N, C-alpha and C. Protein backbone atom coordinates (compact mmCIF):
# COMPACT_ATOMS: atom_id res chain seq x y z
N MET A 1 -77.33 81.28 12.73
CA MET A 1 -76.12 81.31 11.95
C MET A 1 -75.03 80.60 12.75
N LEU A 2 -74.23 79.81 12.04
CA LEU A 2 -73.17 79.05 12.67
C LEU A 2 -71.83 79.56 12.17
N ALA A 3 -70.94 79.84 13.07
CA ALA A 3 -69.60 80.28 12.70
C ALA A 3 -68.60 79.27 13.23
N VAL A 4 -67.73 78.83 12.35
CA VAL A 4 -66.69 77.88 12.75
C VAL A 4 -65.37 78.62 12.72
N VAL A 5 -64.68 78.57 13.81
CA VAL A 5 -63.41 79.28 13.92
C VAL A 5 -62.35 78.28 14.35
N LYS A 6 -61.26 78.26 13.61
CA LYS A 6 -60.13 77.42 14.00
C LYS A 6 -59.10 78.29 14.68
N THR A 7 -58.66 77.86 15.82
CA THR A 7 -57.61 78.60 16.49
C THR A 7 -56.27 77.98 16.11
N PRO A 8 -55.29 78.82 15.82
CA PRO A 8 -54.00 78.27 15.43
C PRO A 8 -53.31 77.62 16.62
N SER A 9 -52.57 76.57 16.32
CA SER A 9 -51.83 75.92 17.39
C SER A 9 -50.52 76.67 17.61
N ILE A 10 -49.99 76.51 18.77
CA ILE A 10 -48.71 77.14 19.09
C ILE A 10 -47.68 76.02 19.19
N ASP A 11 -46.62 76.16 18.43
CA ASP A 11 -45.57 75.16 18.43
C ASP A 11 -44.29 75.83 18.90
N VAL A 12 -43.84 75.42 20.06
CA VAL A 12 -42.61 75.97 20.63
C VAL A 12 -41.64 74.81 20.80
N ARG A 13 -40.43 75.00 20.30
CA ARG A 13 -39.44 73.94 20.43
C ARG A 13 -38.28 74.45 21.28
N ILE A 14 -38.03 73.73 22.35
CA ILE A 14 -36.92 74.06 23.24
C ILE A 14 -36.06 72.80 23.34
N GLU A 15 -34.81 72.94 22.99
CA GLU A 15 -33.93 71.78 23.04
C GLU A 15 -33.10 71.84 24.31
N GLY A 16 -32.81 70.68 24.83
CA GLY A 16 -32.00 70.60 26.04
C GLY A 16 -32.87 70.37 27.26
N ASP A 17 -32.25 70.44 28.42
CA ASP A 17 -32.98 70.24 29.67
C ASP A 17 -33.76 71.50 30.02
N LEU A 18 -35.04 71.30 30.38
CA LEU A 18 -35.89 72.42 30.76
C LEU A 18 -35.70 72.72 32.25
N PRO A 19 -35.46 73.96 32.59
CA PRO A 19 -35.40 74.33 34.01
C PRO A 19 -36.77 74.09 34.64
N PRO A 20 -36.82 73.62 35.86
CA PRO A 20 -38.10 73.33 36.53
C PRO A 20 -39.07 74.52 36.53
N ARG A 21 -38.58 75.73 36.72
CA ARG A 21 -39.47 76.90 36.74
C ARG A 21 -40.13 77.11 35.39
N LEU A 22 -39.38 76.91 34.31
CA LEU A 22 -39.94 77.07 32.97
C LEU A 22 -40.98 75.99 32.70
N LEU A 23 -40.68 74.77 33.08
CA LEU A 23 -41.62 73.67 32.90
C LEU A 23 -42.91 73.93 33.67
N HIS A 24 -42.80 74.41 34.91
CA HIS A 24 -43.97 74.74 35.73
C HIS A 24 -44.81 75.84 35.06
N CYS A 25 -44.14 76.84 34.53
CA CYS A 25 -44.82 77.95 33.86
C CYS A 25 -45.59 77.45 32.64
N LEU A 26 -44.95 76.61 31.85
CA LEU A 26 -45.60 76.07 30.65
C LEU A 26 -46.81 75.22 31.01
N LYS A 27 -46.66 74.38 32.05
CA LYS A 27 -47.77 73.54 32.49
C LYS A 27 -48.94 74.37 33.00
N SER A 28 -48.64 75.44 33.73
CA SER A 28 -49.73 76.27 34.26
C SER A 28 -50.43 77.04 33.15
N GLU A 29 -49.71 77.40 32.12
CA GLU A 29 -50.30 78.16 31.02
C GLU A 29 -51.08 77.27 30.05
N PHE A 30 -50.54 76.11 29.71
CA PHE A 30 -51.15 75.28 28.67
C PHE A 30 -51.83 74.03 29.20
N GLY A 31 -51.62 73.69 30.44
CA GLY A 31 -52.30 72.55 31.05
C GLY A 31 -52.14 71.28 30.24
N GLY A 32 -53.28 70.64 29.95
CA GLY A 32 -53.28 69.36 29.24
C GLY A 32 -52.89 69.46 27.78
N LYS A 33 -52.84 70.68 27.24
CA LYS A 33 -52.46 70.86 25.84
C LYS A 33 -50.95 70.77 25.63
N LEU A 34 -50.21 70.82 26.73
CA LEU A 34 -48.75 70.78 26.65
C LEU A 34 -48.30 69.36 26.35
N ARG A 35 -47.45 69.22 25.36
CA ARG A 35 -46.92 67.91 25.00
C ARG A 35 -45.40 68.00 25.01
N LEU A 36 -44.79 67.17 25.81
CA LEU A 36 -43.34 67.13 25.88
C LEU A 36 -42.85 65.91 25.12
N ALA A 37 -41.84 66.10 24.32
CA ALA A 37 -41.29 64.99 23.54
C ALA A 37 -39.83 64.83 23.91
N GLN A 38 -39.44 63.61 24.09
CA GLN A 38 -38.04 63.31 24.39
C GLN A 38 -37.31 63.05 23.07
N GLN A 39 -36.12 63.55 22.99
CA GLN A 39 -35.31 63.34 21.80
C GLN A 39 -34.53 62.05 22.00
N ASN A 40 -34.62 61.17 21.01
CA ASN A 40 -33.88 59.91 21.07
C ASN A 40 -32.38 60.19 20.98
N ALA A 41 -31.61 59.29 21.50
CA ALA A 41 -30.16 59.45 21.48
C ALA A 41 -29.61 59.52 20.06
N ASP A 42 -30.27 58.83 19.12
CA ASP A 42 -29.77 58.83 17.74
C ASP A 42 -30.30 60.03 16.94
N GLU A 43 -31.20 60.81 17.51
CA GLU A 43 -31.69 62.02 16.85
C GLU A 43 -30.88 63.20 17.37
N ARG A 44 -30.41 64.00 16.47
CA ARG A 44 -29.69 65.20 16.89
C ARG A 44 -29.84 66.25 15.81
N SER A 45 -29.80 67.49 16.21
CA SER A 45 -29.88 68.58 15.26
C SER A 45 -28.51 68.79 14.64
N VAL A 46 -28.53 69.07 13.36
CA VAL A 46 -27.28 69.35 12.66
C VAL A 46 -27.46 70.62 11.84
N ASP A 47 -26.38 71.30 11.62
CA ASP A 47 -26.40 72.48 10.76
C ASP A 47 -26.45 72.00 9.32
N PHE A 48 -27.53 72.34 8.62
CA PHE A 48 -27.71 71.87 7.24
C PHE A 48 -26.53 72.25 6.36
N PHE A 49 -25.95 73.42 6.60
CA PHE A 49 -24.85 73.89 5.77
C PHE A 49 -23.56 73.12 6.00
N GLU A 50 -23.55 72.24 6.99
CA GLU A 50 -22.39 71.40 7.27
C GLU A 50 -22.60 69.96 6.80
N THR A 51 -23.69 69.69 6.11
CA THR A 51 -23.99 68.32 5.68
C THR A 51 -23.44 68.03 4.29
N ASP A 52 -23.26 66.75 4.01
CA ASP A 52 -22.82 66.33 2.68
C ASP A 52 -23.87 66.65 1.62
N VAL A 53 -25.15 66.58 2.02
CA VAL A 53 -26.23 66.89 1.07
C VAL A 53 -26.09 68.33 0.57
N TYR A 54 -25.88 69.26 1.51
CA TYR A 54 -25.72 70.66 1.12
C TYR A 54 -24.50 70.84 0.22
N ARG A 55 -23.39 70.24 0.61
CA ARG A 55 -22.17 70.38 -0.19
C ARG A 55 -22.37 69.85 -1.61
N GLU A 56 -23.10 68.75 -1.73
CA GLU A 56 -23.36 68.17 -3.05
C GLU A 56 -24.26 69.07 -3.88
N VAL A 57 -25.32 69.58 -3.28
CA VAL A 57 -26.22 70.47 -4.00
C VAL A 57 -25.49 71.74 -4.40
N LYS A 58 -24.72 72.30 -3.49
CA LYS A 58 -23.99 73.53 -3.77
C LYS A 58 -23.00 73.33 -4.91
N ARG A 59 -22.34 72.19 -4.92
CA ARG A 59 -21.36 71.89 -5.96
C ARG A 59 -22.00 71.90 -7.35
N ASP A 60 -23.25 71.45 -7.43
CA ASP A 60 -23.93 71.35 -8.72
C ASP A 60 -24.68 72.62 -9.13
N MET A 61 -24.73 73.61 -8.25
CA MET A 61 -25.45 74.85 -8.57
C MET A 61 -24.67 75.71 -9.55
N THR A 62 -25.39 76.33 -10.46
CA THR A 62 -24.78 77.24 -11.43
C THR A 62 -25.29 78.65 -11.14
N PRO A 63 -24.60 79.67 -11.67
CA PRO A 63 -25.11 81.04 -11.49
C PRO A 63 -26.54 81.20 -12.01
N GLY A 64 -26.85 80.52 -13.09
CA GLY A 64 -28.21 80.59 -13.64
C GLY A 64 -29.25 80.00 -12.70
N MET A 65 -28.89 78.92 -12.03
CA MET A 65 -29.81 78.31 -11.07
C MET A 65 -30.05 79.26 -9.89
N TYR A 66 -28.96 79.88 -9.40
CA TYR A 66 -29.12 80.85 -8.31
C TYR A 66 -30.00 82.01 -8.75
N LEU A 67 -29.79 82.49 -9.97
CA LEU A 67 -30.59 83.61 -10.47
C LEU A 67 -32.07 83.26 -10.48
N ARG A 68 -32.39 82.09 -10.98
CA ARG A 68 -33.79 81.68 -11.03
C ARG A 68 -34.39 81.56 -9.63
N ILE A 69 -33.65 80.98 -8.70
CA ILE A 69 -34.15 80.83 -7.33
C ILE A 69 -34.43 82.20 -6.71
N TYR A 70 -33.47 83.11 -6.81
CA TYR A 70 -33.66 84.43 -6.21
C TYR A 70 -34.78 85.20 -6.90
N ARG A 71 -34.88 85.09 -8.21
CA ARG A 71 -35.94 85.78 -8.96
C ARG A 71 -37.31 85.25 -8.53
N GLU A 72 -37.46 83.94 -8.49
CA GLU A 72 -38.75 83.35 -8.12
C GLU A 72 -39.10 83.63 -6.67
N ASN A 73 -38.10 83.67 -5.79
CA ASN A 73 -38.37 83.99 -4.38
C ASN A 73 -38.90 85.41 -4.21
N ARG A 74 -38.60 86.27 -5.16
CA ARG A 74 -39.10 87.65 -5.13
C ARG A 74 -40.38 87.80 -5.96
N ASP A 75 -40.93 86.68 -6.43
CA ASP A 75 -42.13 86.70 -7.29
C ASP A 75 -41.94 87.64 -8.47
N MET A 76 -40.78 87.56 -9.08
CA MET A 76 -40.43 88.43 -10.20
C MET A 76 -40.41 87.59 -11.48
N THR A 77 -40.97 88.12 -12.55
CA THR A 77 -40.91 87.43 -13.84
C THR A 77 -39.56 87.70 -14.49
N GLN A 78 -39.23 86.89 -15.49
CA GLN A 78 -38.00 87.13 -16.25
C GLN A 78 -38.06 88.50 -16.92
N ASP A 79 -39.22 88.86 -17.40
CA ASP A 79 -39.41 90.15 -18.06
C ASP A 79 -39.16 91.31 -17.08
N GLU A 80 -39.69 91.18 -15.86
CA GLU A 80 -39.49 92.23 -14.85
C GLU A 80 -38.01 92.36 -14.47
N LEU A 81 -37.34 91.22 -14.29
CA LEU A 81 -35.93 91.27 -13.95
C LEU A 81 -35.13 91.85 -15.10
N GLY A 82 -35.45 91.44 -16.31
CA GLY A 82 -34.76 91.99 -17.48
C GLY A 82 -34.92 93.50 -17.56
N GLY A 83 -36.11 94.00 -17.25
CA GLY A 83 -36.35 95.45 -17.26
C GLY A 83 -35.52 96.17 -16.23
N LYS A 84 -35.30 95.53 -15.07
CA LYS A 84 -34.51 96.17 -14.01
C LYS A 84 -33.03 96.25 -14.35
N VAL A 85 -32.55 95.28 -15.13
CA VAL A 85 -31.12 95.28 -15.46
C VAL A 85 -30.85 95.72 -16.89
N GLY A 86 -31.91 96.01 -17.65
CA GLY A 86 -31.74 96.54 -19.00
C GLY A 86 -31.47 95.50 -20.08
N VAL A 87 -32.02 94.30 -19.92
CA VAL A 87 -31.87 93.26 -20.95
C VAL A 87 -33.24 92.64 -21.23
N SER A 88 -33.30 91.79 -22.23
CA SER A 88 -34.58 91.18 -22.60
C SER A 88 -34.89 89.96 -21.73
N LYS A 89 -36.15 89.55 -21.80
CA LYS A 89 -36.59 88.34 -21.10
C LYS A 89 -35.80 87.14 -21.61
N ALA A 90 -35.55 87.10 -22.91
CA ALA A 90 -34.81 85.99 -23.51
C ALA A 90 -33.39 85.91 -22.95
N PHE A 91 -32.79 87.07 -22.70
CA PHE A 91 -31.43 87.11 -22.13
C PHE A 91 -31.43 86.47 -20.75
N ILE A 92 -32.42 86.83 -19.92
CA ILE A 92 -32.54 86.25 -18.58
C ILE A 92 -32.78 84.76 -18.68
N CYS A 93 -33.65 84.36 -19.59
CA CYS A 93 -33.96 82.94 -19.80
C CYS A 93 -32.69 82.17 -20.17
N ASP A 94 -31.89 82.72 -21.05
CA ASP A 94 -30.64 82.07 -21.46
C ASP A 94 -29.68 81.91 -20.28
N ILE A 95 -29.61 82.90 -19.41
CA ILE A 95 -28.75 82.78 -18.22
C ILE A 95 -29.26 81.68 -17.31
N GLU A 96 -30.58 81.68 -17.07
CA GLU A 96 -31.15 80.70 -16.15
C GLU A 96 -31.01 79.27 -16.66
N HIS A 97 -30.96 79.11 -17.98
CA HIS A 97 -30.81 77.77 -18.56
C HIS A 97 -29.37 77.47 -18.96
N ASP A 98 -28.45 78.27 -18.44
CA ASP A 98 -27.01 78.09 -18.64
C ASP A 98 -26.59 78.08 -20.11
N ARG A 99 -27.32 78.80 -20.93
CA ARG A 99 -26.91 78.98 -22.33
C ARG A 99 -26.08 80.24 -22.49
N ARG A 100 -26.06 81.05 -21.45
CA ARG A 100 -25.31 82.30 -21.47
C ARG A 100 -24.70 82.50 -20.08
N GLY A 101 -23.47 82.95 -20.06
CA GLY A 101 -22.81 83.22 -18.79
C GLY A 101 -23.23 84.56 -18.20
N VAL A 102 -22.77 84.81 -17.00
CA VAL A 102 -23.08 86.07 -16.32
C VAL A 102 -21.80 86.90 -16.29
N SER A 103 -21.86 88.08 -16.89
CA SER A 103 -20.70 88.98 -16.87
C SER A 103 -20.54 89.57 -15.48
N LYS A 104 -19.37 90.13 -15.22
CA LYS A 104 -19.13 90.76 -13.92
C LYS A 104 -20.09 91.91 -13.69
N GLU A 105 -20.34 92.69 -14.74
CA GLU A 105 -21.26 93.83 -14.61
C GLU A 105 -22.69 93.35 -14.31
N MET A 106 -23.12 92.29 -15.01
CA MET A 106 -24.47 91.75 -14.78
C MET A 106 -24.57 91.14 -13.39
N ALA A 107 -23.52 90.46 -12.94
CA ALA A 107 -23.50 89.88 -11.60
C ALA A 107 -23.64 90.99 -10.55
N LYS A 108 -22.98 92.10 -10.79
CA LYS A 108 -23.08 93.23 -9.87
C LYS A 108 -24.51 93.77 -9.81
N ARG A 109 -25.15 93.87 -10.97
CA ARG A 109 -26.55 94.35 -11.00
C ARG A 109 -27.47 93.39 -10.26
N PHE A 110 -27.30 92.08 -10.52
CA PHE A 110 -28.14 91.08 -9.84
C PHE A 110 -27.93 91.14 -8.33
N SER A 111 -26.67 91.28 -7.92
CA SER A 111 -26.39 91.30 -6.48
C SER A 111 -27.04 92.51 -5.81
N GLU A 112 -27.10 93.63 -6.51
CA GLU A 112 -27.75 94.82 -5.96
C GLU A 112 -29.26 94.63 -5.86
N ILE A 113 -29.84 94.02 -6.88
CA ILE A 113 -31.30 93.81 -6.88
C ILE A 113 -31.70 92.85 -5.76
N PHE A 114 -30.95 91.75 -5.61
CA PHE A 114 -31.31 90.72 -4.64
C PHE A 114 -30.62 90.90 -3.29
N ASN A 115 -29.74 91.91 -3.19
CA ASN A 115 -29.04 92.21 -1.95
C ASN A 115 -28.26 91.00 -1.43
N ILE A 116 -27.48 90.40 -2.33
CA ILE A 116 -26.64 89.25 -1.98
C ILE A 116 -25.26 89.46 -2.57
N SER A 117 -24.36 88.58 -2.25
CA SER A 117 -22.98 88.67 -2.73
C SER A 117 -22.90 88.46 -4.24
N VAL A 118 -22.01 89.20 -4.87
CA VAL A 118 -21.75 89.04 -6.31
C VAL A 118 -21.26 87.62 -6.61
N ALA A 119 -20.59 87.01 -5.65
CA ALA A 119 -20.00 85.69 -5.84
C ALA A 119 -21.03 84.64 -6.22
N ARG A 120 -22.29 84.82 -5.84
CA ARG A 120 -23.33 83.85 -6.21
C ARG A 120 -23.49 83.72 -7.73
N PHE A 121 -23.18 84.77 -8.45
CA PHE A 121 -23.43 84.77 -9.90
C PHE A 121 -22.18 84.62 -10.73
N ILE A 122 -21.05 84.43 -10.07
CA ILE A 122 -19.79 84.31 -10.84
C ILE A 122 -19.29 82.88 -10.75
């Protein structure tokens, strides 16, 4: 019998200058498997929430879009969400497709279910 086993790789990212002791420790632990990459001068990490792309996407987001994202991230159907807040699947569908607005009371219920700020839905 033959068994094939894949071992997961370990990916560790450390930015900045590595202290010599840490580098020595990594080399002794991982040997030839250790790969060091230099960051080019034109490559730099940026906070995504400070980019123009994020600002543009955020500007175009509607409460219905946020609702759909949070619902799908919880693997929840429209029917399940409707049951939790006391409305029909069609009602949730209308909100997600921006055919119906979100009342303050409904925004409060959604924020409690998804544990996020009410402001996302207003």
